[in-house]
N, C-alpha and C. Protein backbone atom coordinates (compact mmCIF):
# COMPACT_ATOMS: atom_id res chain seq x y z
N MET A 1 80.22 104.03 96.02
CA MET A 1 79.67 102.69 95.99
C MET A 1 79.34 102.28 97.42
N THR A 2 78.14 101.90 97.65
CA THR A 2 77.71 101.43 98.96
C THR A 2 76.81 100.22 98.74
N GLN A 3 77.04 99.22 99.56
CA GLN A 3 76.21 98.02 99.48
C GLN A 3 75.71 97.72 100.88
N THR A 4 74.44 97.41 100.99
CA THR A 4 73.87 97.06 102.29
C THR A 4 73.35 95.64 102.22
N ASP A 5 73.55 94.91 103.27
CA ASP A 5 73.05 93.54 103.34
C ASP A 5 72.67 93.26 104.78
N SER A 6 71.91 92.21 105.00
CA SER A 6 71.41 91.94 106.35
C SER A 6 72.11 90.77 107.01
N LEU A 7 73.38 90.56 106.71
CA LEU A 7 74.06 89.40 107.27
C LEU A 7 74.90 89.69 108.50
N ALA A 8 75.24 90.93 108.76
CA ALA A 8 76.10 91.23 109.90
C ALA A 8 75.32 91.02 111.20
N PRO A 9 75.96 90.40 112.19
CA PRO A 9 75.24 89.99 113.39
C PRO A 9 74.85 91.09 114.37
N ALA A 10 75.63 92.15 114.49
CA ALA A 10 75.36 93.09 115.57
C ALA A 10 74.21 94.04 115.27
N THR A 11 74.25 94.72 114.14
CA THR A 11 73.22 95.73 113.87
C THR A 11 72.21 95.27 112.83
N GLY A 12 72.49 94.16 112.17
CA GLY A 12 71.58 93.68 111.15
C GLY A 12 71.82 94.29 109.79
N SER A 13 72.80 95.18 109.65
CA SER A 13 73.11 95.73 108.33
C SER A 13 74.61 95.91 108.19
N LEU A 14 75.04 95.77 106.96
CA LEU A 14 76.45 95.90 106.64
C LEU A 14 76.56 96.92 105.52
N VAL A 15 77.49 97.84 105.66
CA VAL A 15 77.74 98.84 104.63
C VAL A 15 79.17 98.67 104.15
N VAL A 16 79.34 98.61 102.83
CA VAL A 16 80.65 98.54 102.20
C VAL A 16 80.85 99.85 101.45
N ALA A 17 81.92 100.57 101.79
CA ALA A 17 82.17 101.87 101.17
C ALA A 17 83.67 102.08 101.01
N PRO A 18 84.06 102.96 100.09
CA PRO A 18 85.48 103.25 99.91
C PRO A 18 86.13 103.81 101.18
N MET A 19 87.39 103.46 101.36
CA MET A 19 88.18 104.01 102.46
C MET A 19 88.17 105.53 102.32
N SER A 20 87.89 106.24 103.43
CA SER A 20 87.80 107.69 103.33
C SER A 20 88.50 108.44 104.45
N THR A 21 88.91 107.75 105.49
CA THR A 21 89.51 108.43 106.64
C THR A 21 90.78 107.71 107.08
N ALA A 22 91.54 108.39 107.92
CA ALA A 22 92.72 107.76 108.51
C ALA A 22 92.32 106.55 109.35
N ALA A 23 91.16 106.61 109.98
CA ALA A 23 90.67 105.46 110.76
C ALA A 23 90.38 104.27 109.85
N ASP A 24 89.87 104.53 108.65
CA ASP A 24 89.66 103.45 107.69
C ASP A 24 90.99 102.82 107.29
N ALA A 25 91.99 103.66 107.03
CA ALA A 25 93.31 103.15 106.65
C ALA A 25 93.89 102.30 107.78
N ARG A 26 93.68 102.73 109.01
CA ARG A 26 94.16 101.97 110.17
C ARG A 26 93.42 100.63 110.29
N ALA A 27 92.12 100.65 110.05
CA ALA A 27 91.32 99.42 110.09
C ALA A 27 91.80 98.45 109.02
N PHE A 28 92.09 98.96 107.82
CA PHE A 28 92.62 98.12 106.74
C PHE A 28 93.90 97.43 107.19
N LYS A 29 94.78 98.17 107.80
CA LYS A 29 96.05 97.60 108.28
C LYS A 29 95.80 96.59 109.40
N ASP A 30 95.01 96.98 110.39
CA ASP A 30 94.78 96.10 111.55
C ASP A 30 94.09 94.79 111.15
N LEU A 31 93.07 94.87 110.31
CA LEU A 31 92.35 93.66 109.89
C LEU A 31 93.29 92.72 109.13
N ASN A 32 94.15 93.27 108.31
CA ASN A 32 95.08 92.43 107.56
C ASN A 32 96.20 91.87 108.42
N LEU A 33 96.73 92.68 109.32
CA LEU A 33 97.77 92.16 110.22
C LEU A 33 97.25 90.99 111.03
N GLU A 34 95.98 91.05 111.41
CA GLU A 34 95.38 90.00 112.22
C GLU A 34 95.46 88.64 111.52
N TRP A 35 95.04 88.57 110.24
CA TRP A 35 95.06 87.27 109.56
C TRP A 35 96.46 86.89 109.09
N ILE A 36 97.23 87.87 108.62
CA ILE A 36 98.57 87.53 108.11
C ILE A 36 99.42 86.94 109.23
N THR A 37 99.44 87.58 110.37
CA THR A 37 100.29 87.09 111.46
C THR A 37 99.74 85.83 112.11
N ALA A 38 98.45 85.55 111.95
CA ALA A 38 97.88 84.31 112.48
C ALA A 38 98.31 83.10 111.66
N PHE A 39 98.51 83.29 110.35
CA PHE A 39 98.82 82.16 109.47
C PHE A 39 100.22 82.19 108.89
N PHE A 40 100.81 83.36 108.75
CA PHE A 40 102.07 83.50 108.03
C PHE A 40 102.99 84.49 108.74
N THR A 41 104.07 84.82 108.07
CA THR A 41 104.99 85.85 108.53
C THR A 41 104.75 87.10 107.68
N LEU A 42 104.76 88.24 108.30
CA LEU A 42 104.60 89.48 107.58
C LEU A 42 105.78 89.64 106.62
N GLU A 43 105.48 89.89 105.36
CA GLU A 43 106.52 90.04 104.34
C GLU A 43 106.71 91.52 103.99
N PRO A 44 107.86 91.90 103.42
CA PRO A 44 108.08 93.30 103.08
C PRO A 44 106.98 93.89 102.20
N ALA A 45 106.47 93.14 101.23
CA ALA A 45 105.41 93.66 100.35
C ALA A 45 104.13 93.94 101.14
N ASP A 46 103.88 93.17 102.21
CA ASP A 46 102.73 93.44 103.07
C ASP A 46 102.87 94.83 103.69
N SER A 47 104.03 95.08 104.25
CA SER A 47 104.25 96.36 104.95
C SER A 47 104.09 97.54 104.00
N VAL A 48 104.59 97.42 102.79
CA VAL A 48 104.46 98.51 101.82
C VAL A 48 103.00 98.85 101.60
N THR A 49 102.17 97.83 101.40
CA THR A 49 100.74 98.05 101.15
C THR A 49 100.01 98.53 102.40
N LEU A 50 100.27 97.88 103.51
CA LEU A 50 99.51 98.18 104.73
C LEU A 50 99.89 99.52 105.36
N ASP A 51 101.13 99.95 105.16
CA ASP A 51 101.56 101.22 105.75
C ASP A 51 101.05 102.43 104.97
N ASN A 52 100.65 102.23 103.72
CA ASN A 52 100.16 103.36 102.93
C ASN A 52 99.08 102.92 101.95
N PRO A 53 97.90 102.52 102.45
CA PRO A 53 96.85 102.08 101.54
C PRO A 53 96.32 103.20 100.64
N ARG A 54 96.54 104.45 101.01
CA ARG A 54 96.10 105.56 100.15
C ARG A 54 96.82 105.52 98.79
N HIS A 55 98.00 104.94 98.77
CA HIS A 55 98.75 104.81 97.53
C HIS A 55 97.96 103.97 96.51
N ILE A 56 97.23 102.96 97.01
CA ILE A 56 96.40 102.13 96.12
C ILE A 56 95.39 103.00 95.39
N VAL A 57 94.75 103.90 96.12
CA VAL A 57 93.73 104.78 95.54
C VAL A 57 94.39 105.80 94.61
N GLU A 58 95.51 106.36 95.05
CA GLU A 58 96.21 107.36 94.22
C GLU A 58 96.65 106.78 92.88
N GLU A 59 96.89 105.48 92.83
CA GLU A 59 97.35 104.82 91.61
C GLU A 59 96.20 104.24 90.78
N GLY A 60 94.94 104.59 91.13
CA GLY A 60 93.80 104.17 90.34
C GLY A 60 93.04 102.97 90.87
N GLY A 61 93.41 102.49 92.05
CA GLY A 61 92.70 101.37 92.66
C GLY A 61 91.68 101.85 93.67
N GLN A 62 91.26 100.92 94.51
CA GLN A 62 90.26 101.26 95.53
C GLN A 62 90.45 100.35 96.73
N VAL A 63 90.19 100.89 97.90
CA VAL A 63 90.15 100.12 99.15
C VAL A 63 88.72 100.23 99.67
N LEU A 64 88.10 99.09 99.91
CA LEU A 64 86.73 99.06 100.42
C LEU A 64 86.74 98.58 101.86
N ILE A 65 85.95 99.24 102.68
CA ILE A 65 85.83 98.90 104.09
C ILE A 65 84.39 98.48 104.37
N ALA A 66 84.21 97.32 105.01
CA ALA A 66 82.89 96.86 105.43
C ALA A 66 82.70 97.24 106.90
N ARG A 67 81.55 97.83 107.19
CA ARG A 67 81.25 98.24 108.56
C ARG A 67 79.95 97.62 109.02
N ASP A 68 79.96 97.16 110.24
CA ASP A 68 78.75 96.75 110.94
C ASP A 68 78.45 97.91 111.88
N GLY A 69 77.48 98.74 111.51
CA GLY A 69 77.29 99.98 112.25
C GLY A 69 78.49 100.87 111.99
N THR A 70 79.19 101.24 113.05
CA THR A 70 80.40 102.05 112.88
C THR A 70 81.67 101.22 112.97
N GLU A 71 81.55 99.94 113.26
CA GLU A 71 82.72 99.08 113.46
C GLU A 71 83.23 98.50 112.14
N PRO A 72 84.50 98.77 111.79
CA PRO A 72 85.07 98.14 110.61
C PRO A 72 85.23 96.64 110.87
N VAL A 73 84.64 95.82 109.99
CA VAL A 73 84.66 94.37 110.20
C VAL A 73 85.32 93.62 109.04
N GLY A 74 85.63 94.32 107.96
CA GLY A 74 86.27 93.67 106.82
C GLY A 74 86.78 94.70 105.84
N CYS A 75 87.61 94.23 104.91
CA CYS A 75 88.17 95.13 103.91
C CYS A 75 88.69 94.33 102.73
N VAL A 76 88.90 95.04 101.63
CA VAL A 76 89.50 94.45 100.44
C VAL A 76 90.08 95.59 99.61
N ALA A 77 91.13 95.29 98.87
CA ALA A 77 91.72 96.29 97.98
C ALA A 77 91.69 95.78 96.54
N LEU A 78 91.51 96.71 95.63
CA LEU A 78 91.68 96.47 94.21
C LEU A 78 92.85 97.35 93.78
N VAL A 79 93.95 96.71 93.42
CA VAL A 79 95.16 97.42 93.03
C VAL A 79 95.20 97.48 91.51
N ALA A 80 95.29 98.69 90.96
CA ALA A 80 95.36 98.85 89.51
C ALA A 80 96.71 98.32 89.03
N GLU A 81 96.65 97.39 88.09
CA GLU A 81 97.88 96.75 87.60
C GLU A 81 98.17 97.05 86.14
N GLY A 82 97.28 97.74 85.49
CA GLY A 82 97.46 98.07 84.08
C GLY A 82 96.10 98.35 83.49
N PRO A 83 96.05 98.74 82.22
CA PRO A 83 94.77 99.05 81.61
C PRO A 83 93.79 97.87 81.72
N GLY A 84 92.70 98.09 82.44
CA GLY A 84 91.65 97.09 82.54
C GLY A 84 91.94 95.93 83.47
N VAL A 85 93.00 96.00 84.24
CA VAL A 85 93.39 94.87 85.10
C VAL A 85 93.58 95.35 86.53
N PHE A 86 92.95 94.62 87.46
CA PHE A 86 93.13 94.88 88.89
C PHE A 86 93.59 93.61 89.58
N GLU A 87 94.38 93.80 90.63
CA GLU A 87 94.69 92.70 91.54
C GLU A 87 93.77 92.83 92.75
N LEU A 88 93.09 91.75 93.10
CA LEU A 88 92.34 91.69 94.34
C LEU A 88 93.34 91.40 95.43
N SER A 89 93.40 92.24 96.44
CA SER A 89 94.46 92.12 97.43
C SER A 89 93.94 92.45 98.82
N LYS A 90 94.55 91.83 99.79
CA LYS A 90 94.33 92.17 101.20
C LYS A 90 92.86 92.14 101.62
N MET A 91 92.18 91.04 101.26
CA MET A 91 90.81 90.87 101.74
C MET A 91 90.87 90.25 103.13
N ALA A 92 90.18 90.87 104.06
CA ALA A 92 90.19 90.39 105.44
C ALA A 92 88.83 90.62 106.08
N VAL A 93 88.45 89.68 106.94
CA VAL A 93 87.24 89.82 107.76
C VAL A 93 87.64 89.50 109.19
N SER A 94 87.23 90.34 110.11
CA SER A 94 87.52 90.12 111.52
C SER A 94 87.06 88.72 111.92
N PRO A 95 87.89 87.99 112.66
CA PRO A 95 87.49 86.63 113.08
C PRO A 95 86.13 86.60 113.79
N ARG A 96 85.77 87.66 114.50
CA ARG A 96 84.48 87.70 115.20
C ARG A 96 83.30 87.72 114.24
N PHE A 97 83.56 88.09 112.97
CA PHE A 97 82.48 88.23 112.00
C PHE A 97 82.59 87.22 110.85
N GLN A 98 83.55 86.33 110.93
CA GLN A 98 83.68 85.33 109.87
C GLN A 98 82.50 84.37 109.93
N GLY A 99 82.11 83.88 108.76
CA GLY A 99 80.98 82.97 108.67
C GLY A 99 79.65 83.68 108.52
N CYS A 100 79.66 85.01 108.40
CA CYS A 100 78.43 85.80 108.27
C CYS A 100 78.18 86.25 106.83
N GLY A 101 79.03 85.86 105.91
CA GLY A 101 78.86 86.25 104.51
C GLY A 101 79.53 87.56 104.14
N ILE A 102 80.30 88.13 105.04
CA ILE A 102 80.94 89.43 104.78
C ILE A 102 81.99 89.32 103.68
N GLY A 103 82.75 88.24 103.66
CA GLY A 103 83.75 88.06 102.60
C GLY A 103 83.10 88.04 101.23
N ARG A 104 81.98 87.35 101.11
CA ARG A 104 81.25 87.28 99.83
C ARG A 104 80.76 88.68 99.42
N ILE A 105 80.24 89.43 100.38
CA ILE A 105 79.76 90.78 100.10
C ILE A 105 80.92 91.67 99.65
N LEU A 106 82.05 91.58 100.34
CA LEU A 106 83.22 92.37 99.96
C LEU A 106 83.71 92.00 98.56
N LEU A 107 83.77 90.71 98.28
CA LEU A 107 84.24 90.26 96.99
C LEU A 107 83.32 90.75 95.87
N ARG A 108 82.02 90.64 96.07
CA ARG A 108 81.07 91.14 95.07
C ARG A 108 81.20 92.65 94.87
N ALA A 109 81.38 93.39 95.97
CA ALA A 109 81.56 94.84 95.87
C ALA A 109 82.83 95.18 95.09
N ALA A 110 83.89 94.42 95.33
CA ALA A 110 85.15 94.66 94.60
C ALA A 110 84.96 94.38 93.11
N LEU A 111 84.29 93.29 92.77
CA LEU A 111 84.06 92.97 91.36
C LEU A 111 83.14 94.01 90.72
N ASP A 112 82.15 94.48 91.45
CA ASP A 112 81.28 95.54 90.93
C ASP A 112 82.08 96.81 90.64
N HIS A 113 82.99 97.15 91.55
CA HIS A 113 83.83 98.33 91.33
C HIS A 113 84.70 98.14 90.09
N ALA A 114 85.28 96.97 89.94
CA ALA A 114 86.12 96.70 88.76
C ALA A 114 85.28 96.85 87.48
N ARG A 115 84.07 96.35 87.49
CA ARG A 115 83.18 96.51 86.33
C ARG A 115 82.90 97.98 86.05
N GLU A 116 82.63 98.75 87.11
CA GLU A 116 82.36 100.18 86.96
C GLU A 116 83.56 100.90 86.33
N GLN A 117 84.74 100.38 86.58
CA GLN A 117 85.96 100.96 86.02
C GLN A 117 86.28 100.41 84.63
N ARG A 118 85.37 99.60 84.11
CA ARG A 118 85.51 98.97 82.79
C ARG A 118 86.72 98.04 82.71
N ALA A 119 87.01 97.40 83.83
CA ALA A 119 88.11 96.44 83.85
C ALA A 119 87.73 95.20 83.04
N THR A 120 88.74 94.51 82.54
CA THR A 120 88.51 93.27 81.80
C THR A 120 88.81 92.05 82.65
N SER A 121 89.67 92.20 83.67
CA SER A 121 89.97 91.06 84.51
C SER A 121 90.47 91.49 85.89
N VAL A 122 90.31 90.56 86.83
CA VAL A 122 90.81 90.72 88.19
C VAL A 122 91.57 89.44 88.50
N PHE A 123 92.76 89.58 89.08
CA PHE A 123 93.52 88.40 89.47
C PHE A 123 93.86 88.47 90.94
N LEU A 124 94.27 87.34 91.48
CA LEU A 124 94.67 87.30 92.88
C LEU A 124 95.70 86.21 93.09
N ALA A 125 96.42 86.35 94.18
CA ALA A 125 97.33 85.32 94.66
C ALA A 125 96.93 85.05 96.11
N SER A 126 96.86 83.77 96.47
CA SER A 126 96.47 83.40 97.81
C SER A 126 97.33 82.23 98.26
N ASN A 127 96.84 81.51 99.24
CA ASN A 127 97.55 80.36 99.76
C ASN A 127 96.55 79.26 100.06
N ALA A 128 96.91 78.03 99.75
CA ALA A 128 96.00 76.89 99.96
C ALA A 128 95.60 76.72 101.42
N THR A 129 96.40 77.22 102.34
CA THR A 129 96.04 77.17 103.76
C THR A 129 94.73 77.92 104.02
N LEU A 130 94.45 78.92 103.22
CA LEU A 130 93.25 79.73 103.36
C LEU A 130 92.13 79.12 102.53
N ALA A 131 91.81 77.88 102.83
CA ALA A 131 90.87 77.09 102.02
C ALA A 131 89.50 77.75 101.90
N SER A 132 89.00 78.36 102.95
CA SER A 132 87.69 79.02 102.87
C SER A 132 87.72 80.18 101.88
N ALA A 133 88.79 80.93 101.88
CA ALA A 133 88.91 82.05 100.94
C ALA A 133 89.00 81.53 99.51
N VAL A 134 89.81 80.51 99.29
CA VAL A 134 89.96 79.94 97.95
C VAL A 134 88.61 79.41 97.47
N HIS A 135 87.88 78.74 98.34
CA HIS A 135 86.55 78.24 97.96
C HIS A 135 85.61 79.40 97.62
N LEU A 136 85.66 80.48 98.37
CA LEU A 136 84.84 81.65 98.09
C LEU A 136 85.16 82.19 96.69
N TYR A 137 86.43 82.34 96.38
CA TYR A 137 86.82 82.85 95.06
C TYR A 137 86.27 81.92 93.96
N GLU A 138 86.44 80.63 94.16
CA GLU A 138 85.94 79.66 93.17
C GLU A 138 84.43 79.78 93.00
N SER A 139 83.72 79.93 94.12
CA SER A 139 82.26 79.95 94.07
C SER A 139 81.71 81.17 93.32
N LEU A 140 82.52 82.23 93.24
CA LEU A 140 82.07 83.42 92.52
C LEU A 140 82.64 83.49 91.11
N GLY A 141 83.36 82.45 90.69
CA GLY A 141 83.78 82.39 89.29
C GLY A 141 85.25 82.60 89.01
N PHE A 142 86.08 82.79 90.02
CA PHE A 142 87.52 82.85 89.78
C PHE A 142 87.99 81.47 89.34
N VAL A 143 88.94 81.44 88.41
CA VAL A 143 89.50 80.18 87.94
C VAL A 143 91.00 80.16 88.25
N HIS A 144 91.48 78.96 88.53
CA HIS A 144 92.90 78.78 88.81
C HIS A 144 93.70 78.95 87.52
N VAL A 145 94.83 79.63 87.63
CA VAL A 145 95.72 79.81 86.50
C VAL A 145 97.15 79.57 86.97
N PRO A 146 98.06 79.22 86.06
CA PRO A 146 99.47 79.09 86.45
C PRO A 146 100.02 80.46 86.86
N ALA A 147 100.92 80.45 87.80
CA ALA A 147 101.53 81.70 88.28
C ALA A 147 102.15 82.48 87.14
N ALA A 148 102.68 81.80 86.15
CA ALA A 148 103.34 82.46 85.03
C ALA A 148 102.39 83.31 84.20
N GLU A 149 101.07 83.09 84.33
CA GLU A 149 100.10 83.90 83.58
C GLU A 149 99.84 85.26 84.24
N LEU A 150 100.35 85.45 85.43
CA LEU A 150 100.15 86.70 86.16
C LEU A 150 101.47 87.46 86.24
N ARG A 151 101.37 88.71 86.64
CA ARG A 151 102.60 89.47 86.88
C ARG A 151 103.33 88.82 88.05
N PRO A 152 104.61 89.06 88.22
CA PRO A 152 105.32 88.47 89.37
C PRO A 152 104.65 88.86 90.69
N ILE A 153 104.45 87.88 91.53
CA ILE A 153 103.79 88.08 92.83
C ILE A 153 104.87 88.19 93.90
N PRO A 154 104.86 89.25 94.71
CA PRO A 154 105.95 89.47 95.66
C PRO A 154 105.83 88.74 97.00
N TYR A 155 104.95 87.73 97.09
CA TYR A 155 104.74 87.05 98.37
C TYR A 155 105.25 85.62 98.29
N ASP A 156 106.16 85.27 99.20
CA ASP A 156 106.66 83.89 99.26
C ASP A 156 105.55 82.91 99.57
N ARG A 157 104.53 83.33 100.32
CA ARG A 157 103.46 82.43 100.74
C ARG A 157 102.48 82.09 99.62
N ALA A 158 102.50 82.84 98.52
CA ALA A 158 101.52 82.65 97.44
C ALA A 158 101.74 81.31 96.74
N ASP A 159 100.70 80.47 96.74
CA ASP A 159 100.76 79.19 96.02
C ASP A 159 99.45 78.89 95.29
N VAL A 160 98.52 79.83 95.32
CA VAL A 160 97.25 79.72 94.59
C VAL A 160 97.12 81.00 93.77
N PHE A 161 96.87 80.83 92.47
CA PHE A 161 96.77 81.97 91.56
C PHE A 161 95.47 81.85 90.78
N MET A 162 94.70 82.94 90.75
CA MET A 162 93.37 82.87 90.15
C MET A 162 93.09 84.13 89.36
N ARG A 163 92.16 84.00 88.41
CA ARG A 163 91.74 85.13 87.58
C ARG A 163 90.22 85.09 87.42
N TYR A 164 89.65 86.29 87.30
CA TYR A 164 88.22 86.45 87.04
C TYR A 164 88.09 87.29 85.78
N ASP A 165 87.42 86.73 84.78
CA ASP A 165 87.26 87.41 83.49
C ASP A 165 85.99 88.24 83.51
N LEU A 166 86.13 89.55 83.45
CA LEU A 166 84.98 90.45 83.46
C LEU A 166 84.36 90.63 82.08
N THR A 167 85.00 90.08 81.04
CA THR A 167 84.43 90.19 79.69
C THR A 167 83.50 89.02 79.39
N ASP A 168 83.52 87.99 80.24
CA ASP A 168 82.65 86.83 80.07
C ASP A 168 81.22 87.23 80.44
N PRO A 169 80.25 87.09 79.54
CA PRO A 169 78.88 87.49 79.85
C PRO A 169 78.29 86.76 81.06
N ALA A 170 78.84 85.60 81.40
CA ALA A 170 78.32 84.85 82.55
C ALA A 170 78.82 85.40 83.87
N SER A 171 79.84 86.27 83.85
CA SER A 171 80.41 86.75 85.11
C SER A 171 79.74 87.99 85.63
């Protein structure tokens, strides 16, 4: 899966592709550590995911890396949670590239991947402090749900819970 768009500022093109190298795995970790430590405290569940993102792929999920030229500028993970269900996790965009539409491109690429896998839904947990991210999710059709409707979320910081229905013809 590759998506190209003309919103990235440096080279004029953005490519979103599956994580494929150790450098991609490192970029996934670094991009996420940057936002997590800027707003919150790193939690044990963060370390488990960030220290071994290949586990996400081995378990049926996917990690997508957005590059401006050769520079990793964003990432997102789809964690397989059961038949037809993915968790959208660890979406990050480098602060230098925020406001360029990269988050929207990553989110659309993740939803496209979930559709390709014949998923029925994607859920996420976030935090109200990340208002821009929550607004982005809402703008693409995620709806707020009670935490009890999702599997237990291992993050103390999670206070926003959302789901995207892939069976809805409008999505």
